[in-house]
Amino acid sequence: MAEQHTLQLDEEEQLQLALALSAEEARQQGHTVSSTDDEALARQLQDAEYAAAQQAPPPPPGAAAAAAAAAPPPVGAVPADRSRCSGCGGSLVSLFTRQPYITALGRSWHPQCLLCAACGRPIAQQGGVRFMERGGQLFHAECHKQRFHPRCDVCAGFVPEEANRRIVWSEQPFWKQRYCPAHAQDGTPRCAGCDRLQPRGEEWGELQDSRQLCLACLGTIVTDTKDAQPLWQNVLSYFASLGMSLPAVPPMMLVDSSALNDAEAQETRGRGRGGGPVFHVRGLTLTEEYSTLRSVLRLPGGNPFAVRSETVQVGPTRHEVTAILVLYGLPRLLTGCILAHECTHAYLRMSGFAAHRPLPAQVEEGLCQLMALLWLEAQQGSYKDAWEERLAAFLGNQIRTDQSETYGDGFRLALDAYQAHGLVKLLAHVKQTGAFPTVA
């Protein structure tokens, strides 16, 4: 699930550029001047500087580094002396010469000495527009935006700014992918494996049912039922090692999304499938329930051919798992998690956990999520590359941080009970009571 973040631009201490040699500044230096004449002179000199800058060639390579060295020192690094330029150290006040200067942050500069820390050009060349301060350095407003304004990881543009000057963006919390909120609804493809949004211009793969996968996930996908058999055997072996062997191994098939939808419509479990973040609409255990039979009884009256049928309760409900279905074209580790989740459903139903009463959804799904995580953690050391290791961390994080009541809270209750009592006692208690054991 994406998180939303906000940045208030006022935090950047936006300032207004002030051209000095005003009467107030002059009086502080002990001089009497004409405010109107001095301000006009300052503006004329500033305009001349700006016109010259517009005709000047672009700065040579390395100018930005030179600008950083020439930029004014951070505020507070040198004593504030308004009679001298904080850039070159030269005098700003003379009895015979009127020199325009700029004041900001309690210090003063010649117009040509107040340099942007990014581009190295005088800030006054942009015509007296606002400038920005960050870390004691000054920037043209546009240079500051280019360097510090958050950019979208999807479209590479600046994250849009709201009318109240707030910057709001969404973020995929695990991958730290920052993007414009609009991309969540504008049709930008999302990877079916790792849940990231597709950056503009990045090549992805598309499956026949229109799902898309990033190239990293595409490299490990399980494509068909035959391709999935070794992984299915891995899951079955893991369950057997924990004493959870299935009484009978049901067929496992990889199917497309339409087949999964059709099967869900006929599923007798009645709870739908995966509402969790990792398993939503990706796996299904097909089950048949048997608890009654239709028996034929002869009617009274002597006619041996006159019979009727009636429903007879034959004992506790018996479940038969007819198949396990998993969506095709998902990364190997994600497919394995889904298989472990559905294998737990099969084990609970085939081993009599719901013989007398259906298990509460939170208990059943919580156990399934627990087993998916335990299988995933058991794969450490068998990752094919660094990406699979990172994807495993993402899948585990999805299980652990799910906020849904059935899957997320159910998993956390199951995990607490598992850590307190162990798997054998946990399963025995659930089978007997239909609830998790208490944790001290």
Protein backbone atom coordinates (compact mmCIF):
# COMPACT_ATOMS: atom_id res chain seq x y z
CA MET A 1 0.00 0.00 0.00
CA ALA A 2 1.34 3.41 -0.92
CA GLU A 3 2.03 6.01 1.75
CA GLN A 4 1.42 9.75 1.31
CA HIS A 5 3.99 12.38 2.25
CA THR A 6 3.79 16.18 2.51
CA LEU A 7 6.47 18.87 2.48
CA GLN A 8 5.67 22.47 3.42
CA LEU A 9 7.73 24.88 1.31
CA ASP A 10 7.89 27.38 4.18
CA GLU A 11 10.37 25.02 5.75
CA GLU A 12 12.85 26.06 3.06
CA GLU A 13 12.91 29.61 4.52
CA GLN A 14 11.86 31.37 1.35
CA LEU A 15 13.22 34.92 1.30
CA GLN A 16 12.66 38.02 -0.81
CA LEU A 17 15.62 39.66 -2.52
CA ALA A 18 16.22 43.16 -1.13
CA LEU A 19 18.36 45.73 -2.98
CA ALA A 20 19.94 48.08 -0.46
CA LEU A 21 21.45 51.56 -0.27
CA SER A 22 18.11 52.61 1.15
CA ALA A 23 18.01 55.50 3.55
CA GLU A 24 17.60 53.11 6.49
CA GLU A 25 20.70 51.08 5.61
CA ALA A 26 22.70 54.20 4.95
CA ARG A 27 21.76 55.74 8.30
CA GLN A 28 22.96 52.55 10.03
CA GLN A 29 26.37 53.22 8.45
CA GLY A 30 26.40 56.84 9.60
CA HIS A 31 25.77 58.49 6.22
CA THR A 32 23.02 60.69 4.82
CA VAL A 33 21.94 59.83 1.28
CA SER A 34 19.03 60.29 -1.05
CA SER A 35 16.95 57.10 -0.85
CA THR A 36 15.20 57.70 -4.15
CA ASP A 37 18.39 58.37 -6.13
CA ASP A 38 20.25 55.45 -4.59
CA GLU A 39 17.48 52.95 -5.18
CA ALA A 40 17.15 54.08 -8.78
CA LEU A 41 20.89 53.72 -9.26
CA ALA A 42 20.83 50.26 -7.72
CA ARG A 43 18.06 49.14 -10.04
CA GLN A 44 19.84 50.56 -13.09
CA LEU A 45 23.04 48.74 -12.21
CA GLN A 46 21.12 45.57 -11.50
CA ASP A 47 19.28 45.77 -14.83
CA ALA A 48 22.57 46.32 -16.60
CA GLU A 49 24.04 43.27 -14.88
CA TYR A 50 20.99 41.23 -15.87
CA ALA A 51 21.14 42.35 -19.53
CA ALA A 52 24.84 41.50 -19.70
CA ALA A 53 24.20 38.09 -18.19
CA GLN A 54 21.51 37.33 -20.75
CA GLN A 55 24.01 37.99 -23.59
CA ALA A 56 26.86 36.15 -21.91
CA PRO A 57 27.75 32.62 -23.10
CA PRO A 58 26.85 29.72 -20.80
CA PRO A 59 29.37 28.99 -18.08
CA PRO A 60 32.15 26.52 -19.01
CA PRO A 61 32.22 22.96 -17.62
CA GLY A 62 33.20 22.96 -13.99
CA ALA A 63 31.62 26.32 -13.30
CA ALA A 64 29.27 24.80 -10.75
CA ALA A 65 32.21 23.46 -8.73
CA ALA A 66 33.93 26.81 -8.94
CA ALA A 67 30.70 28.47 -7.82
CA ALA A 68 30.57 26.30 -4.75
CA ALA A 69 34.04 27.50 -3.82
CA ALA A 70 33.16 31.12 -4.58
CA ALA A 71 29.73 31.01 -2.97
CA PRO A 72 29.25 33.04 0.19
CA PRO A 73 30.18 31.16 3.34
CA PRO A 74 27.34 29.79 5.46
CA VAL A 75 25.48 32.27 7.58
CA GLY A 76 27.25 32.75 10.88
CA ALA A 77 30.62 31.54 9.55
CA VAL A 78 32.02 35.10 9.50
CA PRO A 79 31.08 38.15 11.57
CA ALA A 80 28.38 40.28 9.99
CA ASP A 81 30.00 43.59 8.91
CA ARG A 82 27.60 45.58 6.77
CA SER A 83 30.31 48.02 5.74
CA ARG A 84 32.14 45.31 3.81
CA CYS A 85 31.06 42.82 1.15
CA SER A 86 30.61 39.30 2.51
CA GLY A 87 31.80 37.99 -0.86
CA CYS A 88 35.00 39.84 -1.76
CA GLY A 89 35.61 41.65 1.53
CA GLY A 90 35.75 45.02 -0.22
CA SER A 91 34.21 48.18 1.16
CA LEU A 92 30.56 48.88 0.46
CA VAL A 93 30.56 52.50 1.67
CA SER A 94 32.65 55.39 0.35
CA LEU A 95 32.44 59.14 0.90
CA PHE A 96 32.98 59.76 -2.79
CA THR A 97 31.38 56.78 -4.56
CA ARG A 98 27.91 55.41 -4.30
CA GLN A 99 28.00 51.61 -4.56
CA PRO A 100 24.83 49.53 -4.73
CA TYR A 101 24.76 46.53 -2.47
CA ILE A 102 22.40 43.76 -1.44
CA THR A 103 21.43 42.82 2.09
CA ALA A 104 20.07 39.48 3.16
CA LEU A 105 20.32 37.32 6.26
CA GLY A 106 21.92 40.21 8.13
CA ARG A 107 24.87 40.51 5.73
CA SER A 108 25.73 42.60 2.67
CA TRP A 109 27.23 41.95 -0.77
CA HIS A 110 28.12 43.73 -3.95
CA PRO A 111 25.51 42.62 -6.52
CA GLN A 112 28.19 40.80 -8.50
CA CYS A 113 29.48 39.02 -5.38
CA LEU A 114 26.23 37.45 -4.17
CA LEU A 115 26.52 34.19 -6.12
CA CYS A 116 24.13 31.28 -6.51
CA ALA A 117 25.66 28.20 -4.88
CA ALA A 118 24.39 26.06 -7.78
CA CYS A 119 25.11 27.89 -11.05
CA GLY A 120 27.76 30.35 -9.86
CA ARG A 121 26.09 33.41 -11.38
CA PRO A 122 25.13 36.52 -9.41
CA ILE A 123 21.67 36.22 -7.95
CA ALA A 124 20.91 39.84 -8.89
CA GLN A 125 21.27 38.92 -12.59
CA GLN A 126 17.79 37.47 -12.47
CA GLY A 127 16.26 40.88 -11.97
CA GLY A 128 15.72 41.05 -8.25
CA VAL A 129 13.47 37.99 -8.03
CA ARG A 130 13.15 35.89 -4.89
CA PHE A 131 15.98 33.63 -3.85
CA MET A 132 16.20 30.62 -1.54
CA GLU A 133 18.48 29.74 1.35
CA ARG A 134 19.47 26.22 2.35
CA GLY A 135 22.18 25.23 4.77
CA GLY A 136 23.49 28.78 4.89
CA GLN A 137 23.90 28.96 1.09
CA LEU A 138 21.85 31.08 -1.30
CA PHE A 139 20.32 29.95 -4.59
CA HIS A 140 18.28 31.35 -7.44
CA ALA A 141 14.75 30.08 -6.88
CA GLU A 142 14.90 27.99 -10.07
CA CYS A 143 18.34 26.59 -9.25
CA HIS A 144 17.09 25.66 -5.80
CA LYS A 145 14.11 23.86 -7.35
CA GLN A 146 16.31 21.95 -9.79
CA ARG A 147 18.56 20.76 -7.00
CA PHE A 148 16.20 20.15 -4.08
CA HIS A 149 12.56 19.88 -5.22
CA PRO A 150 11.33 16.24 -4.99
CA ARG A 151 11.14 14.46 -8.34
CA CYS A 152 8.78 11.67 -9.33
CA ASP A 153 10.43 8.27 -9.82
CA VAL A 154 7.82 7.42 -12.47
CA CYS A 155 7.64 10.45 -14.78
CA ALA A 156 10.93 12.11 -13.66
CA GLY A 157 9.10 15.45 -13.35
CA PHE A 158 8.82 17.63 -10.28
CA VAL A 159 6.25 16.39 -7.77
CA PRO A 160 3.33 18.84 -8.19
CA GLU A 161 2.88 21.67 -5.75
CA GLU A 162 -0.56 22.40 -4.31
CA ALA A 163 -2.13 25.85 -4.11
CA ASN A 164 -1.06 26.22 -0.47
CA ARG A 165 2.55 25.50 -1.52
CA ARG A 166 2.52 22.01 -0.05
CA ILE A 167 4.24 19.23 -1.97
CA VAL A 168 2.37 15.93 -1.65
CA TRP A 169 3.63 12.64 -3.05
CA SER A 170 2.88 8.93 -2.71
CA GLU A 171 5.48 6.32 -1.90
CA GLN A 172 5.76 2.54 -2.09
CA PRO A 173 7.00 2.09 1.48
CA PHE A 174 9.28 -0.93 0.98
CA TRP A 175 10.96 0.13 -2.25
CA LYS A 176 10.91 3.86 -1.35
CA GLN A 177 9.59 4.61 -4.83
CA ARG A 178 8.31 8.21 -4.74
CA TYR A 179 5.72 9.27 -7.31
CA CYS A 180 3.04 11.82 -8.15
CA PRO A 181 -0.29 10.80 -6.54
CA ALA A 182 -1.99 10.92 -9.96
CA HIS A 183 0.01 7.92 -11.20
CA ALA A 184 -1.95 5.63 -8.87
CA GLN A 185 -5.07 6.23 -11.00
CA ASP A 186 -3.80 7.27 -14.44
CA GLY A 187 -3.20 3.78 -15.78
CA THR A 188 0.51 3.59 -15.00
CA PRO A 189 1.35 -0.16 -15.01
CA ARG A 190 2.20 -1.79 -11.68
CA CYS A 191 4.43 -4.88 -11.54
CA ALA A 192 2.41 -8.00 -10.69
CA GLY A 193 5.40 -9.35 -8.77
CA CYS A 194 7.03 -6.57 -6.76
CA ASP A 195 4.22 -3.96 -6.81
CA ARG A 196 6.39 -1.12 -8.17
CA LEU A 197 5.07 1.36 -10.73
CA GLN A 198 6.65 1.38 -14.19
CA PRO A 199 8.99 4.35 -14.75
CA ARG A 200 8.44 6.14 -18.06
CA GLY A 201 10.67 4.73 -20.79
CA GLU A 202 11.55 1.54 -18.88
CA GLU A 203 10.86 -1.69 -20.77
CA TRP A 204 8.62 -4.26 -19.05
CA GLY A 205 7.07 -7.57 -20.09
CA GLU A 206 3.33 -8.04 -20.60
CA LEU A 207 1.49 -11.35 -20.13
CA GLN A 208 -1.47 -12.44 -22.25
CA ASP A 209 -3.96 -11.37 -19.58
CA SER A 210 -2.48 -7.82 -19.62
CA ARG A 211 -0.59 -8.15 -16.35
CA GLN A 212 2.83 -6.53 -16.51
CA LEU A 213 6.11 -7.47 -14.87
CA CYS A 214 9.36 -5.58 -14.46
CA LEU A 215 12.36 -7.23 -16.07
CA ALA A 216 13.80 -8.25 -12.69
CA CYS A 217 10.66 -10.19 -11.76
CA LEU A 218 10.22 -11.47 -15.32
CA GLY A 219 13.51 -13.33 -15.07
CA THR A 220 12.18 -15.75 -12.42
CA ILE A 221 8.53 -16.29 -13.39
CA VAL A 222 6.87 -19.71 -13.27
CA THR A 223 5.16 -20.00 -16.64
CA ASP A 224 3.03 -23.18 -16.63
CA THR A 225 1.91 -26.21 -14.61
CA LYS A 226 4.87 -28.37 -15.66
CA ASP A 227 7.29 -25.59 -14.81
CA ALA A 228 5.73 -25.34 -11.32
CA GLN A 229 6.01 -29.03 -10.35
CA PRO A 230 9.51 -28.83 -8.77
CA LEU A 231 8.36 -25.86 -6.70
CA TRP A 232 5.19 -27.74 -5.65
CA GLN A 233 7.32 -30.69 -4.55
CA ASN A 234 9.54 -28.31 -2.59
CA VAL A 235 6.50 -27.01 -0.70
CA LEU A 236 5.15 -30.52 -0.04
CA SER A 237 8.55 -31.66 1.25
CA TYR A 238 8.77 -28.66 3.55
CA PHE A 239 5.32 -29.40 5.00
CA ALA A 240 6.28 -33.06 5.49
CA SER A 241 9.41 -31.99 7.39
CA LEU A 242 7.12 -30.16 9.84
CA GLY A 243 4.80 -33.13 10.31
CA MET A 244 2.11 -31.64 8.07
CA SER A 245 2.04 -34.14 5.21
CA LEU A 246 -1.16 -34.03 3.20
CA PRO A 247 -3.28 -37.20 3.53
CA ALA A 248 -3.64 -37.13 -0.26
CA VAL A 249 -1.79 -34.85 -2.64
CA PRO A 250 -4.26 -32.92 -4.81
CA PRO A 251 -3.42 -31.88 -8.36
CA MET A 252 -1.84 -28.45 -8.65
CA MET A 253 -2.35 -26.34 -11.75
CA LEU A 254 -1.26 -22.92 -12.94
CA VAL A 255 -4.13 -21.10 -14.62
CA ASP A 256 -4.89 -17.68 -16.08
CA SER A 257 -6.98 -15.07 -14.30
CA SER A 258 -10.22 -15.92 -16.11
CA ALA A 259 -10.01 -19.59 -15.09
CA LEU A 260 -9.30 -18.53 -11.51
CA ASN A 261 -12.36 -16.28 -11.54
CA ASP A 262 -14.57 -19.06 -12.91
CA ALA A 263 -13.34 -21.51 -10.28
CA GLU A 264 -13.91 -19.06 -7.47
CA ALA A 265 -17.54 -18.63 -8.51
CA GLN A 266 -18.06 -22.35 -7.92
CA GLU A 267 -15.90 -22.71 -4.81
CA THR A 268 -17.85 -24.12 -1.88
CA ARG A 269 -15.56 -22.60 0.73
CA GLY A 270 -17.65 -19.46 0.37
CA ARG A 271 -15.03 -17.05 1.67
CA GLY A 272 -13.48 -15.91 -1.55
CA ARG A 273 -9.74 -16.09 -1.93
CA GLY A 274 -6.77 -14.11 -0.78
CA GLY A 275 -7.62 -10.73 0.65
CA GLY A 276 -4.03 -10.37 1.82
CA PRO A 277 -1.51 -8.18 0.01
CA VAL A 278 0.52 -11.06 -1.42
CA PHE A 279 -2.22 -13.54 -2.25
CA HIS A 280 -5.11 -11.40 -3.43
CA VAL A 281 -6.83 -13.13 -6.41
CA ARG A 282 -3.79 -15.33 -7.01
CA GLY A 283 -4.57 -18.73 -5.50
CA LEU A 284 -7.51 -21.01 -4.70
CA THR A 285 -8.06 -24.38 -3.03
CA LEU A 286 -11.05 -26.24 -4.48
CA THR A 287 -12.88 -28.31 -1.87
CA GLU A 288 -15.85 -30.65 -1.80
CA GLU A 289 -17.70 -31.20 1.48
CA TYR A 290 -19.45 -34.45 2.40
CA SER A 291 -21.64 -34.83 5.50
CA THR A 292 -24.99 -36.22 4.24
CA LEU A 293 -26.25 -38.85 1.81
CA ARG A 294 -29.59 -39.44 0.11
CA SER A 295 -30.95 -42.83 1.19
CA VAL A 296 -33.83 -44.72 -0.51
CA LEU A 297 -36.65 -46.13 1.73
CA ARG A 298 -39.56 -48.39 0.69
CA LEU A 299 -43.03 -46.93 1.26
CA PRO A 300 -45.53 -48.87 3.39
CA GLY A 301 -48.36 -50.71 1.61
CA GLY A 302 -46.71 -53.81 0.25
CA ASN A 303 -45.66 -52.42 -3.13
CA PRO A 304 -41.97 -53.31 -3.42
CA PHE A 305 -41.44 -50.68 -6.11
CA ALA A 306 -42.87 -47.75 -4.14
CA VAL A 307 -39.87 -45.96 -2.64
CA ARG A 308 -38.85 -42.52 -1.51
CA SER A 309 -35.49 -40.85 -0.80
CA GLU A 310 -34.42 -38.89 2.24
CA THR A 311 -31.28 -37.08 3.41
CA VAL A 312 -29.35 -38.91 6.10
CA GLN A 313 -26.60 -37.41 8.28
CA VAL A 314 -23.64 -39.77 8.06
CA GLY A 315 -21.25 -38.17 10.53
CA PRO A 316 -18.75 -35.32 10.75
CA THR A 317 -18.20 -33.22 7.67
CA ARG A 318 -15.52 -34.64 5.40
CA HIS A 319 -13.57 -32.46 3.00
CA GLU A 320 -11.96 -33.56 -0.22
CA VAL A 321 -9.53 -31.16 -1.89
CA THR A 322 -10.00 -31.57 -5.61
CA ALA A 323 -7.34 -29.14 -6.86
CA ILE A 324 -5.07 -26.23 -5.99
CA LEU A 325 -5.03 -23.41 -8.53
CA VAL A 326 -2.39 -20.69 -8.74
CA LEU A 327 -2.14 -17.75 -11.12
CA TYR A 328 0.56 -18.30 -13.75
CA GLY A 329 3.38 -15.93 -14.63
CA LEU A 330 4.45 -14.84 -11.14
CA PRO A 331 8.01 -14.82 -9.73
CA ARG A 332 9.21 -18.11 -8.25
CA LEU A 333 9.22 -16.97 -4.63
CA LEU A 334 5.77 -15.40 -4.88
CA THR A 335 4.40 -18.56 -6.51
CA GLY A 336 5.93 -20.62 -3.70
CA CYS A 337 4.33 -18.40 -1.04
CA ILE A 338 0.93 -18.85 -2.68
CA LEU A 339 1.43 -22.62 -2.88
CA ALA A 340 2.36 -22.75 0.82
CA HIS A 341 -0.69 -20.66 1.69
CA GLU A 342 -3.05 -22.89 -0.29
CA CYS A 343 -1.33 -26.07 0.91
CA THR A 344 -2.20 -25.00 4.47
CA HIS A 345 -5.85 -24.66 3.48
CA ALA A 346 -5.69 -28.18 2.05
CA TYR A 347 -4.00 -29.58 5.17
CA LEU A 348 -6.53 -28.02 7.55
CA ARG A 349 -9.49 -29.31 5.55
CA MET A 350 -8.17 -32.78 4.85
CA SER A 351 -6.96 -33.32 8.43
CA GLY A 352 -10.28 -32.75 10.17
CA PHE A 353 -9.76 -29.22 11.50
CA ALA A 354 -13.28 -28.27 10.35
CA ALA A 355 -15.01 -31.59 10.94
CA HIS A 356 -17.47 -30.28 13.56
CA ARG A 357 -17.44 -26.55 12.89
CA PRO A 358 -15.91 -24.27 10.25
CA LEU A 359 -12.72 -22.57 11.39
CA PRO A 360 -13.09 -18.80 11.85
CA ALA A 361 -11.70 -17.01 8.81
CA GLN A 362 -9.14 -15.13 10.90
CA VAL A 363 -7.79 -18.37 12.37
CA GLU A 364 -7.61 -20.24 9.05
CA GLU A 365 -6.13 -17.37 7.02
CA GLY A 366 -3.76 -16.45 9.85
CA LEU A 367 -2.33 -19.98 9.86
CA CYS A 368 -2.02 -19.92 6.06
CA GLN A 369 -0.09 -16.66 6.17
CA LEU A 370 2.14 -18.03 8.93
CA MET A 371 3.03 -21.10 6.87
CA ALA A 372 3.70 -18.96 3.79
CA LEU A 373 6.16 -16.86 5.79
CA LEU A 374 7.85 -19.91 7.34
CA TRP A 375 8.33 -21.46 3.89
CA LEU A 376 9.68 -18.18 2.53
CA GLU A 377 12.19 -17.84 5.37
CA ALA A 378 13.30 -21.44 4.79
CA GLN A 379 14.43 -20.43 1.28
CA GLN A 380 17.32 -18.33 2.60
CA GLY A 381 20.52 -19.52 1.01
CA SER A 382 18.81 -20.67 -2.19
CA TYR A 383 18.22 -17.28 -3.78
CA LYS A 384 19.32 -17.12 -7.41
CA ASP A 385 20.65 -13.58 -7.18
CA ALA A 386 20.55 -10.37 -5.15
CA TRP A 387 17.19 -9.42 -6.67
CA GLU A 388 15.52 -12.61 -5.40
CA GLU A 389 16.89 -11.91 -1.94
CA ARG A 390 15.44 -8.41 -2.08
CA LEU A 391 12.11 -9.72 -3.40
CA ALA A 392 11.96 -12.24 -0.54
CA ALA A 393 12.39 -9.39 1.92
CA PHE A 394 9.55 -7.52 0.19
CA LEU A 395 7.19 -10.51 0.31
CA GLY A 396 7.95 -11.11 3.98
CA ASN A 397 7.37 -7.45 4.72
CA GLN A 398 4.01 -7.60 2.92
CA ILE A 399 2.87 -10.47 5.14
CA ARG A 400 4.13 -8.87 8.35
CA THR A 401 2.72 -5.39 7.73
CA ASP A 402 -0.69 -6.29 6.28
CA GLN A 403 -3.30 -4.24 8.13
CA SER A 404 -6.40 -6.30 7.28
CA GLU A 405 -8.28 -7.90 10.16
CA THR A 406 -8.53 -11.36 8.62
CA TYR A 407 -5.07 -11.75 7.09
CA GLY A 408 -2.89 -9.24 8.93
CA ASP A 409 -4.27 -9.55 12.45
CA GLY A 410 -4.80 -13.28 11.91
CA PHE A 411 -1.15 -13.70 10.94
CA ARG A 412 0.11 -11.77 13.95
CA LEU A 413 -2.03 -13.84 16.33
CA ALA A 414 -0.78 -17.03 14.68
CA LEU A 415 2.84 -15.85 14.84
CA ASP A 416 2.57 -14.96 18.54
CA ALA A 417 1.09 -18.39 19.31
CA TYR A 418 3.74 -20.13 17.19
CA GLN A 419 6.59 -18.33 18.95
CA ALA A 420 5.08 -19.07 22.38
CA HIS A 421 4.00 -22.70 21.93
CA GLY A 422 5.62 -24.08 18.78
CA LEU A 423 3.89 -25.39 15.68
CA VAL A 424 2.76 -28.79 17.02
CA LYS A 425 0.95 -27.39 20.07
CA LEU A 426 -0.48 -24.53 18.02
CA LEU A 427 -2.06 -26.86 15.47
CA ALA A 428 -3.32 -29.26 18.14
CA HIS A 429 -5.04 -26.43 20.02
CA VAL A 430 -6.64 -25.03 16.87
CA LYS A 431 -7.88 -28.49 15.87
CA GLN A 432 -9.44 -29.04 19.30
CA THR A 433 -10.90 -25.58 19.96
CA GLY A 434 -11.05 -23.75 16.64
CA ALA A 435 -9.11 -20.85 18.19
CA PHE A 436 -5.53 -19.75 18.81
CA PRO A 437 -4.03 -20.62 22.20
CA THR A 438 -3.55 -17.77 24.63
CA VAL A 439 -0.16 -16.12 24.90
CA ALA A 440 1.07 -14.94 28.28
